[in-house]
Amino acid sequence: MMIALLTENPWIIIFVLWVAFCVSMIRLHFVEKRKRTAFQKIRSIEHAEGVSKLYLEVEDACGQFVQVKLRDAETDKDFPVLLNNKILTPAILLPEGKFLLDFQVKIRDDVTGWAKKLERKNCPVEVYLGRDFKLVFNAQTQQIYQEELPLAQKES
């Protein structure tokens, strides 16, 4: 019955494909609009004076921070993680205050490419107005420390 309907009216196939195309274009428009507004908000927050950057670095290994969560140290409420739009030097944009950073580190072996995730870590982070900081995770000793970046290393 369906085959007979399609052979008598082949325009139905074109109509269904056209409707699917229009729905996907409308969805794409809304997704792009949402991304554009999010990037504009991040840019405006980044250029505001009350925001500092917290760079994340893995020392003595090739790795990255994954599943990063922030909590306010005083109220213990979740804080949104806003990343700057940089690929080579990603940083978390933070206002002044004390935070608890909950994260996991994924370390990749240079020779085999095998990746392993280490257990979740918590560390207190203290951010001051107008200063940029670096949070360093040493893969050999599994120690975490925070250091202030000198003015020469800050990005413009």
N, C-alpha and C. Protein backbone atom coordinates (compact mmCIF):
# COMPACT_ATOMS: atom_id res chain seq x y z
N MET A 1 0.82 -1.18 0.00
CA MET A 1 0.00 0.00 0.00
C MET A 1 0.87 1.26 0.00
N MET A 2 1.93 1.26 0.84
CA MET A 2 2.82 2.42 0.90
C MET A 2 3.59 2.58 -0.40
N ILE A 3 4.02 1.47 -0.98
CA ILE A 3 4.76 1.53 -2.23
C ILE A 3 3.87 2.05 -3.35
N ALA A 4 2.62 1.64 -3.35
CA ALA A 4 1.69 2.12 -4.37
C ALA A 4 1.46 3.63 -4.23
N LEU A 5 1.36 4.10 -3.00
CA LEU A 5 1.17 5.53 -2.78
C LEU A 5 2.39 6.32 -3.26
N LEU A 6 3.59 5.81 -3.01
CA LEU A 6 4.80 6.51 -3.44
C LEU A 6 4.99 6.47 -4.94
N THR A 7 4.59 5.38 -5.58
CA THR A 7 4.72 5.33 -7.05
C THR A 7 3.71 6.25 -7.72
N GLU A 8 2.52 6.43 -7.13
CA GLU A 8 1.52 7.32 -7.71
C GLU A 8 1.86 8.79 -7.44
N ASN A 9 2.41 9.07 -6.26
CA ASN A 9 2.73 10.45 -5.87
C ASN A 9 4.21 10.53 -5.43
N PRO A 10 5.16 10.60 -6.37
CA PRO A 10 6.58 10.65 -5.99
C PRO A 10 6.98 11.97 -5.34
N TRP A 11 6.18 12.99 -5.45
CA TRP A 11 6.50 14.28 -4.85
C TRP A 11 6.47 14.23 -3.32
N ILE A 12 5.85 13.18 -2.74
CA ILE A 12 5.78 13.04 -1.28
C ILE A 12 7.19 12.88 -0.70
N ILE A 13 8.06 12.15 -1.39
CA ILE A 13 9.43 11.94 -0.93
C ILE A 13 10.17 13.27 -0.87
N ILE A 14 10.03 14.06 -1.94
CA ILE A 14 10.69 15.36 -1.98
C ILE A 14 10.14 16.28 -0.90
N PHE A 15 8.85 16.24 -0.65
CA PHE A 15 8.23 17.07 0.38
C PHE A 15 8.73 16.69 1.77
N VAL A 16 8.83 15.41 2.06
CA VAL A 16 9.31 14.95 3.37
C VAL A 16 10.77 15.36 3.57
N LEU A 17 11.59 15.20 2.53
CA LEU A 17 12.99 15.62 2.62
C LEU A 17 13.11 17.14 2.81
N TRP A 18 12.26 17.92 2.14
CA TRP A 18 12.27 19.37 2.28
C TRP A 18 11.88 19.79 3.70
N VAL A 19 10.88 19.14 4.28
CA VAL A 19 10.47 19.45 5.66
C VAL A 19 11.60 19.11 6.62
N ALA A 20 12.26 17.97 6.44
CA ALA A 20 13.38 17.58 7.31
C ALA A 20 14.52 18.59 7.18
N PHE A 21 14.79 19.05 5.98
CA PHE A 21 15.83 20.06 5.76
C PHE A 21 15.49 21.37 6.47
N CYS A 22 14.24 21.81 6.36
CA CYS A 22 13.82 23.06 7.01
C CYS A 22 13.91 22.94 8.53
N VAL A 23 13.51 21.83 9.09
CA VAL A 23 13.58 21.62 10.54
C VAL A 23 15.03 21.64 11.00
N SER A 24 15.93 21.00 10.25
CA SER A 24 17.34 20.99 10.64
C SER A 24 17.96 22.38 10.52
N MET A 25 17.56 23.17 9.54
CA MET A 25 18.08 24.54 9.41
C MET A 25 17.58 25.43 10.55
N ILE A 26 16.34 25.26 10.97
CA ILE A 26 15.81 26.04 12.09
C ILE A 26 16.55 25.67 13.38
N ARG A 27 16.79 24.38 13.59
CA ARG A 27 17.53 23.93 14.76
C ARG A 27 18.96 24.48 14.75
N LEU A 28 19.61 24.44 13.57
CA LEU A 28 20.96 24.96 13.44
C LEU A 28 21.00 26.46 13.76
N HIS A 29 20.00 27.20 13.33
CA HIS A 29 19.94 28.64 13.61
C HIS A 29 19.87 28.90 15.11
N PHE A 30 19.03 28.18 15.83
CA PHE A 30 18.90 28.39 17.27
C PHE A 30 20.16 27.97 18.03
N VAL A 31 20.79 26.90 17.60
CA VAL A 31 22.02 26.46 18.26
C VAL A 31 23.13 27.49 18.04
N GLU A 32 23.28 27.98 16.83
CA GLU A 32 24.30 29.00 16.55
C GLU A 32 24.02 30.29 17.28
N LYS A 33 22.76 30.67 17.40
CA LYS A 33 22.39 31.89 18.11
C LYS A 33 22.74 31.76 19.59
N ARG A 34 22.48 30.59 20.18
CA ARG A 34 22.80 30.36 21.58
C ARG A 34 24.32 30.38 21.81
N LYS A 35 25.09 29.76 20.89
CA LYS A 35 26.54 29.77 21.01
C LYS A 35 27.10 31.18 20.87
N ARG A 36 26.57 31.95 19.93
CA ARG A 36 27.04 33.31 19.71
C ARG A 36 26.81 34.17 20.95
N THR A 37 25.63 34.07 21.54
CA THR A 37 25.36 34.87 22.74
C THR A 37 26.24 34.42 23.92
N ALA A 38 26.51 33.12 24.02
CA ALA A 38 27.38 32.62 25.09
C ALA A 38 28.80 33.15 24.92
N PHE A 39 29.34 33.13 23.70
CA PHE A 39 30.68 33.65 23.46
C PHE A 39 30.76 35.15 23.70
N GLN A 40 29.70 35.88 23.35
CA GLN A 40 29.68 37.32 23.61
C GLN A 40 29.67 37.60 25.12
N LYS A 41 28.93 36.79 25.88
CA LYS A 41 28.92 36.97 27.33
C LYS A 41 30.28 36.66 27.93
N ILE A 42 30.92 35.61 27.44
CA ILE A 42 32.26 35.25 27.93
C ILE A 42 33.25 36.35 27.62
N ARG A 43 33.18 36.91 26.40
CA ARG A 43 34.07 38.00 26.03
C ARG A 43 33.85 39.24 26.90
N SER A 44 32.57 39.54 27.17
CA SER A 44 32.29 40.72 28.00
C SER A 44 32.74 40.49 29.45
N ILE A 45 32.58 39.27 29.95
CA ILE A 45 33.04 38.94 31.30
C ILE A 45 34.56 38.98 31.36
N GLU A 46 35.23 38.49 30.30
CA GLU A 46 36.68 38.44 30.27
C GLU A 46 37.28 39.84 30.27
N HIS A 47 36.63 40.79 29.61
CA HIS A 47 37.16 42.15 29.55
C HIS A 47 36.74 43.00 30.75
N ALA A 48 35.89 42.46 31.59
CA ALA A 48 35.50 43.19 32.80
C ALA A 48 36.69 43.21 33.77
N GLU A 49 36.71 44.18 34.63
CA GLU A 49 37.87 44.32 35.52
C GLU A 49 37.83 43.36 36.69
N GLY A 50 36.68 42.81 37.02
CA GLY A 50 36.57 41.97 38.20
C GLY A 50 36.80 40.50 37.94
N VAL A 51 37.51 40.14 36.87
CA VAL A 51 37.69 38.74 36.52
C VAL A 51 39.18 38.42 36.43
N SER A 52 39.56 37.31 37.01
CA SER A 52 40.93 36.82 36.89
C SER A 52 40.90 35.48 36.17
N LYS A 53 42.06 35.06 35.67
CA LYS A 53 42.16 33.80 34.95
C LYS A 53 42.92 32.80 35.80
N LEU A 54 42.45 31.56 35.78
CA LEU A 54 43.13 30.46 36.45
C LEU A 54 43.51 29.45 35.38
N TYR A 55 44.79 29.40 35.04
CA TYR A 55 45.28 28.48 34.03
C TYR A 55 45.51 27.11 34.67
N LEU A 56 45.23 26.05 33.92
CA LEU A 56 45.39 24.68 34.41
C LEU A 56 46.54 24.03 33.65
N GLU A 57 47.48 23.43 34.38
CA GLU A 57 48.65 22.84 33.74
C GLU A 57 48.98 21.51 34.39
N VAL A 58 49.38 20.52 33.56
CA VAL A 58 49.86 19.24 34.05
C VAL A 58 51.37 19.23 33.84
N GLU A 59 52.11 19.01 34.91
CA GLU A 59 53.57 19.03 34.88
C GLU A 59 54.11 17.61 34.84
N ASP A 60 55.21 17.39 34.14
CA ASP A 60 55.91 16.09 34.04
C ASP A 60 55.11 15.03 33.31
N ALA A 61 54.15 15.41 32.48
CA ALA A 61 53.40 14.44 31.69
C ALA A 61 52.59 15.18 30.63
N CYS A 62 52.06 14.41 29.72
CA CYS A 62 51.17 14.96 28.71
C CYS A 62 49.75 14.64 29.18
N GLY A 63 49.01 15.64 29.60
CA GLY A 63 47.69 15.37 30.14
C GLY A 63 46.81 16.60 30.12
N GLN A 64 45.60 16.40 30.60
CA GLN A 64 44.63 17.50 30.65
C GLN A 64 43.69 17.31 31.82
N PHE A 65 43.11 18.42 32.25
CA PHE A 65 42.11 18.40 33.31
C PHE A 65 40.76 18.07 32.69
N VAL A 66 40.04 17.14 33.30
CA VAL A 66 38.69 16.78 32.83
C VAL A 66 37.73 16.83 34.01
N GLN A 67 36.46 16.98 33.70
CA GLN A 67 35.39 17.01 34.69
C GLN A 67 35.70 18.01 35.81
N VAL A 68 35.94 19.25 35.41
CA VAL A 68 36.27 20.30 36.36
C VAL A 68 34.98 20.88 36.93
N LYS A 69 34.90 20.95 38.27
CA LYS A 69 33.76 21.53 38.95
C LYS A 69 34.26 22.52 39.99
N LEU A 70 33.52 23.60 40.15
CA LEU A 70 33.89 24.64 41.12
C LEU A 70 32.80 24.78 42.16
N ARG A 71 33.21 25.00 43.41
CA ARG A 71 32.27 25.30 44.49
C ARG A 71 32.79 26.51 45.24
N ASP A 72 31.88 27.33 45.68
CA ASP A 72 32.27 28.46 46.52
C ASP A 72 32.70 27.91 47.88
N ALA A 73 33.84 28.36 48.38
CA ALA A 73 34.38 27.81 49.63
C ALA A 73 33.55 28.21 50.84
N GLU A 74 32.94 29.38 50.80
CA GLU A 74 32.20 29.85 51.98
C GLU A 74 30.78 29.31 52.03
N THR A 75 30.09 29.28 50.88
CA THR A 75 28.70 28.84 50.88
C THR A 75 28.54 27.40 50.43
N ASP A 76 29.58 26.80 49.87
CA ASP A 76 29.58 25.42 49.38
C ASP A 76 28.54 25.20 48.27
N LYS A 77 28.22 26.24 47.52
CA LYS A 77 27.31 26.12 46.38
C LYS A 77 28.13 25.97 45.10
N ASP A 78 27.55 25.24 44.14
CA ASP A 78 28.23 25.07 42.86
C ASP A 78 28.37 26.41 42.16
N PHE A 79 29.51 26.58 41.48
CA PHE A 79 29.82 27.80 40.76
C PHE A 79 30.03 27.43 39.30
N PRO A 80 29.47 28.18 38.34
CA PRO A 80 29.63 27.79 36.93
C PRO A 80 31.08 27.94 36.47
N VAL A 81 31.53 26.98 35.67
CA VAL A 81 32.88 27.01 35.13
C VAL A 81 32.82 27.69 33.77
N LEU A 82 33.39 28.89 33.68
CA LEU A 82 33.46 29.63 32.43
C LEU A 82 34.89 29.57 31.93
N LEU A 83 35.08 29.00 30.75
CA LEU A 83 36.41 28.92 30.16
C LEU A 83 36.58 30.02 29.13
N ASN A 84 37.81 30.56 29.02
CA ASN A 84 38.06 31.51 27.95
C ASN A 84 38.10 30.76 26.63
N ASN A 85 38.02 31.46 25.55
CA ASN A 85 37.89 30.84 24.24
C ASN A 85 39.25 30.63 23.59
N LYS A 86 40.21 30.10 24.32
CA LYS A 86 41.56 29.87 23.81
C LYS A 86 41.83 28.36 23.76
N ILE A 87 42.43 27.92 22.66
CA ILE A 87 42.71 26.50 22.50
C ILE A 87 44.04 26.13 23.14
N LEU A 88 45.06 26.94 22.92
CA LEU A 88 46.39 26.60 23.44
C LEU A 88 46.55 26.89 24.93
N THR A 89 45.90 27.93 25.42
CA THR A 89 46.02 28.30 26.83
C THR A 89 44.64 28.45 27.45
N PRO A 90 43.93 27.35 27.69
CA PRO A 90 42.61 27.48 28.31
C PRO A 90 42.73 27.91 29.77
N ALA A 91 41.79 28.73 30.19
CA ALA A 91 41.79 29.22 31.57
C ALA A 91 40.35 29.34 32.05
N ILE A 92 40.18 29.23 33.36
CA ILE A 92 38.87 29.41 33.97
C ILE A 92 38.77 30.88 34.39
N LEU A 93 37.66 31.53 34.04
CA LEU A 93 37.43 32.91 34.42
C LEU A 93 36.75 32.93 35.77
N LEU A 94 37.36 33.61 36.74
CA LEU A 94 36.85 33.62 38.11
C LEU A 94 36.81 35.03 38.68
N PRO A 95 35.80 35.34 39.47
CA PRO A 95 35.84 36.60 40.23
C PRO A 95 36.72 36.43 41.47
N GLU A 96 36.89 37.49 42.21
CA GLU A 96 37.71 37.42 43.42
C GLU A 96 37.01 36.57 44.47
N GLY A 97 37.77 35.71 45.15
CA GLY A 97 37.19 34.89 46.20
C GLY A 97 37.94 33.60 46.42
N LYS A 98 37.38 32.77 47.29
CA LYS A 98 37.96 31.46 47.60
C LYS A 98 37.02 30.40 47.04
N PHE A 99 37.62 29.41 46.35
CA PHE A 99 36.84 28.36 45.69
C PHE A 99 37.45 27.00 45.99
N LEU A 100 36.65 25.97 45.84
CA LEU A 100 37.13 24.59 45.90
C LEU A 100 37.02 24.02 44.49
N LEU A 101 38.14 23.57 43.95
CA LEU A 101 38.18 23.03 42.61
C LEU A 101 38.20 21.51 42.70
N ASP A 102 37.22 20.86 42.08
CA ASP A 102 37.12 19.41 42.05
C ASP A 102 37.38 18.99 40.61
N PHE A 103 38.37 18.14 40.38
CA PHE A 103 38.74 17.79 39.01
C PHE A 103 39.31 16.39 38.95
N GLN A 104 39.49 15.94 37.72
CA GLN A 104 40.13 14.67 37.45
C GLN A 104 41.16 14.93 36.35
N VAL A 105 42.29 14.27 36.39
CA VAL A 105 43.34 14.47 35.40
C VAL A 105 43.44 13.23 34.53
N LYS A 106 43.48 13.47 33.22
CA LYS A 106 43.65 12.39 32.25
C LYS A 106 45.06 12.51 31.70
N ILE A 107 45.89 11.48 31.93
CA ILE A 107 47.29 11.51 31.51
C ILE A 107 47.49 10.51 30.37
N ARG A 108 48.18 10.99 29.34
CA ARG A 108 48.44 10.16 28.16
C ARG A 108 49.91 9.81 28.10
N ASP A 109 50.19 8.53 27.84
CA ASP A 109 51.57 8.07 27.70
C ASP A 109 52.09 8.53 26.34
N ASP A 110 53.31 9.04 26.29
CA ASP A 110 53.87 9.54 25.04
C ASP A 110 54.13 8.45 24.02
N VAL A 111 54.56 7.29 24.47
CA VAL A 111 54.96 6.24 23.54
C VAL A 111 53.75 5.48 23.00
N THR A 112 52.90 4.98 23.87
CA THR A 112 51.80 4.13 23.42
C THR A 112 50.52 4.90 23.14
N GLY A 113 50.39 6.08 23.72
CA GLY A 113 49.15 6.83 23.55
C GLY A 113 48.05 6.38 24.49
N TRP A 114 48.38 5.47 25.39
CA TRP A 114 47.40 4.97 26.34
C TRP A 114 47.08 6.04 27.35
N ALA A 115 45.79 6.28 27.58
CA ALA A 115 45.39 7.32 28.53
C ALA A 115 44.80 6.68 29.77
N LYS A 116 45.13 7.25 30.91
CA LYS A 116 44.55 6.77 32.16
C LYS A 116 44.05 7.98 32.95
N LYS A 117 42.95 7.78 33.65
CA LYS A 117 42.39 8.83 34.49
C LYS A 117 42.78 8.57 35.92
N LEU A 118 43.25 9.61 36.56
CA LEU A 118 43.58 9.51 37.98
C LEU A 118 42.33 9.78 38.80
N GLU A 119 42.39 9.46 40.09
CA GLU A 119 41.22 9.67 40.95
C GLU A 119 40.92 11.16 41.07
N ARG A 120 39.70 11.47 41.48
CA ARG A 120 39.27 12.87 41.62
C ARG A 120 40.07 13.55 42.72
N LYS A 121 40.40 14.80 42.47
CA LYS A 121 41.16 15.59 43.43
C LYS A 121 40.36 16.84 43.79
N ASN A 122 40.54 17.29 45.01
CA ASN A 122 39.98 18.55 45.48
C ASN A 122 41.13 19.45 45.89
N CYS A 123 41.01 20.72 45.58
CA CYS A 123 42.03 21.64 46.05
C CYS A 123 41.41 23.03 46.23
N PRO A 124 41.82 23.73 47.27
CA PRO A 124 41.34 25.10 47.47
C PRO A 124 42.08 26.05 46.53
N VAL A 125 41.34 27.01 45.98
CA VAL A 125 41.91 28.00 45.07
C VAL A 125 41.51 29.38 45.60
N GLU A 126 42.48 30.25 45.69
CA GLU A 126 42.22 31.61 46.15
C GLU A 126 42.57 32.57 45.02
N VAL A 127 41.61 33.40 44.62
CA VAL A 127 41.78 34.31 43.49
C VAL A 127 41.65 35.74 43.98
N TYR A 128 42.57 36.59 43.53
CA TYR A 128 42.55 38.01 43.89
C TYR A 128 42.23 38.83 42.65
N LEU A 129 41.68 39.99 42.87
CA LEU A 129 41.22 40.87 41.81
C LEU A 129 42.38 41.33 40.91
N GLY A 130 42.21 41.13 39.60
CA GLY A 130 43.18 41.62 38.63
C GLY A 130 44.45 40.81 38.49
N ARG A 131 44.57 39.68 39.14
CA ARG A 131 45.77 38.84 39.05
C ARG A 131 45.41 37.51 38.40
N ASP A 132 46.32 36.99 37.61
CA ASP A 132 46.13 35.68 36.99
C ASP A 132 46.97 34.65 37.73
N PHE A 133 46.42 33.43 37.81
CA PHE A 133 47.08 32.36 38.55
C PHE A 133 47.19 31.12 37.69
N LYS A 134 48.08 30.23 38.10
CA LYS A 134 48.25 28.95 37.42
C LYS A 134 48.14 27.85 38.46
N LEU A 135 47.31 26.85 38.17
CA LEU A 135 47.17 25.68 39.04
C LEU A 135 47.94 24.55 38.37
N VAL A 136 48.95 24.05 39.05
CA VAL A 136 49.84 23.04 38.47
C VAL A 136 49.62 21.72 39.18
N PHE A 137 49.43 20.66 38.40
CA PHE A 137 49.32 19.30 38.91
C PHE A 137 50.57 18.55 38.47
N ASN A 138 51.37 18.09 39.42
CA ASN A 138 52.57 17.32 39.12
C ASN A 138 52.18 15.86 39.00
N ALA A 139 52.38 15.28 37.82
CA ALA A 139 51.95 13.90 37.57
C ALA A 139 52.81 12.87 38.30
N GLN A 140 54.08 13.19 38.56
CA GLN A 140 54.96 12.24 39.23
C GLN A 140 54.63 12.13 40.71
N THR A 141 54.50 13.26 41.38
CA THR A 141 54.27 13.26 42.83
C THR A 141 52.79 13.39 43.19
N GLN A 142 51.95 13.72 42.21
CA GLN A 142 50.51 13.92 42.38
C GLN A 142 50.22 15.05 43.37
N GLN A 143 51.09 16.06 43.38
CA GLN A 143 50.91 17.24 44.21
C GLN A 143 50.28 18.36 43.38
N ILE A 144 49.51 19.20 44.05
CA ILE A 144 48.85 20.32 43.41
C ILE A 144 49.31 21.60 44.10
N TYR A 145 49.68 22.60 43.32
CA TYR A 145 50.02 23.89 43.91
C TYR A 145 49.57 25.01 42.99
N GLN A 146 49.34 26.16 43.60
CA GLN A 146 48.87 27.33 42.88
C GLN A 146 49.96 28.40 42.93
N GLU A 147 50.22 29.03 41.79
CA GLU A 147 51.21 30.10 41.76
C GLU A 147 50.67 31.28 40.96
N GLU A 148 51.10 32.46 41.35
CA GLU A 148 50.67 33.66 40.65
C GLU A 148 51.56 33.86 39.43
N LEU A 149 50.94 34.25 38.31
CA LEU A 149 51.71 34.50 37.11
C LEU A 149 52.31 35.90 37.16
N PRO A 150 53.57 36.03 36.75
CA PRO A 150 54.13 37.37 36.66
C PRO A 150 53.49 38.13 35.50
N LEU A 151 53.63 39.44 35.50
CA LEU A 151 52.97 40.26 34.49
C LEU A 151 53.43 39.93 33.08
N ALA A 152 54.66 39.45 32.88
CA ALA A 152 55.17 39.15 31.54
C ALA A 152 54.47 37.97 30.91
N GLN A 153 53.97 37.02 31.69
CA GLN A 153 53.33 35.82 31.14
C GLN A 153 51.86 35.99 30.89
N LYS A 154 51.25 37.07 31.35
CA LYS A 154 49.82 37.25 31.16
C LYS A 154 49.52 37.52 29.71
N GLU A 155 48.38 37.00 29.26
CA GLU A 155 47.96 37.25 27.89
C GLU A 155 47.14 38.52 27.83
N SER A 156 47.18 39.16 26.67
CA SER A 156 46.38 40.39 26.53
C SER A 156 45.01 40.11 26.01
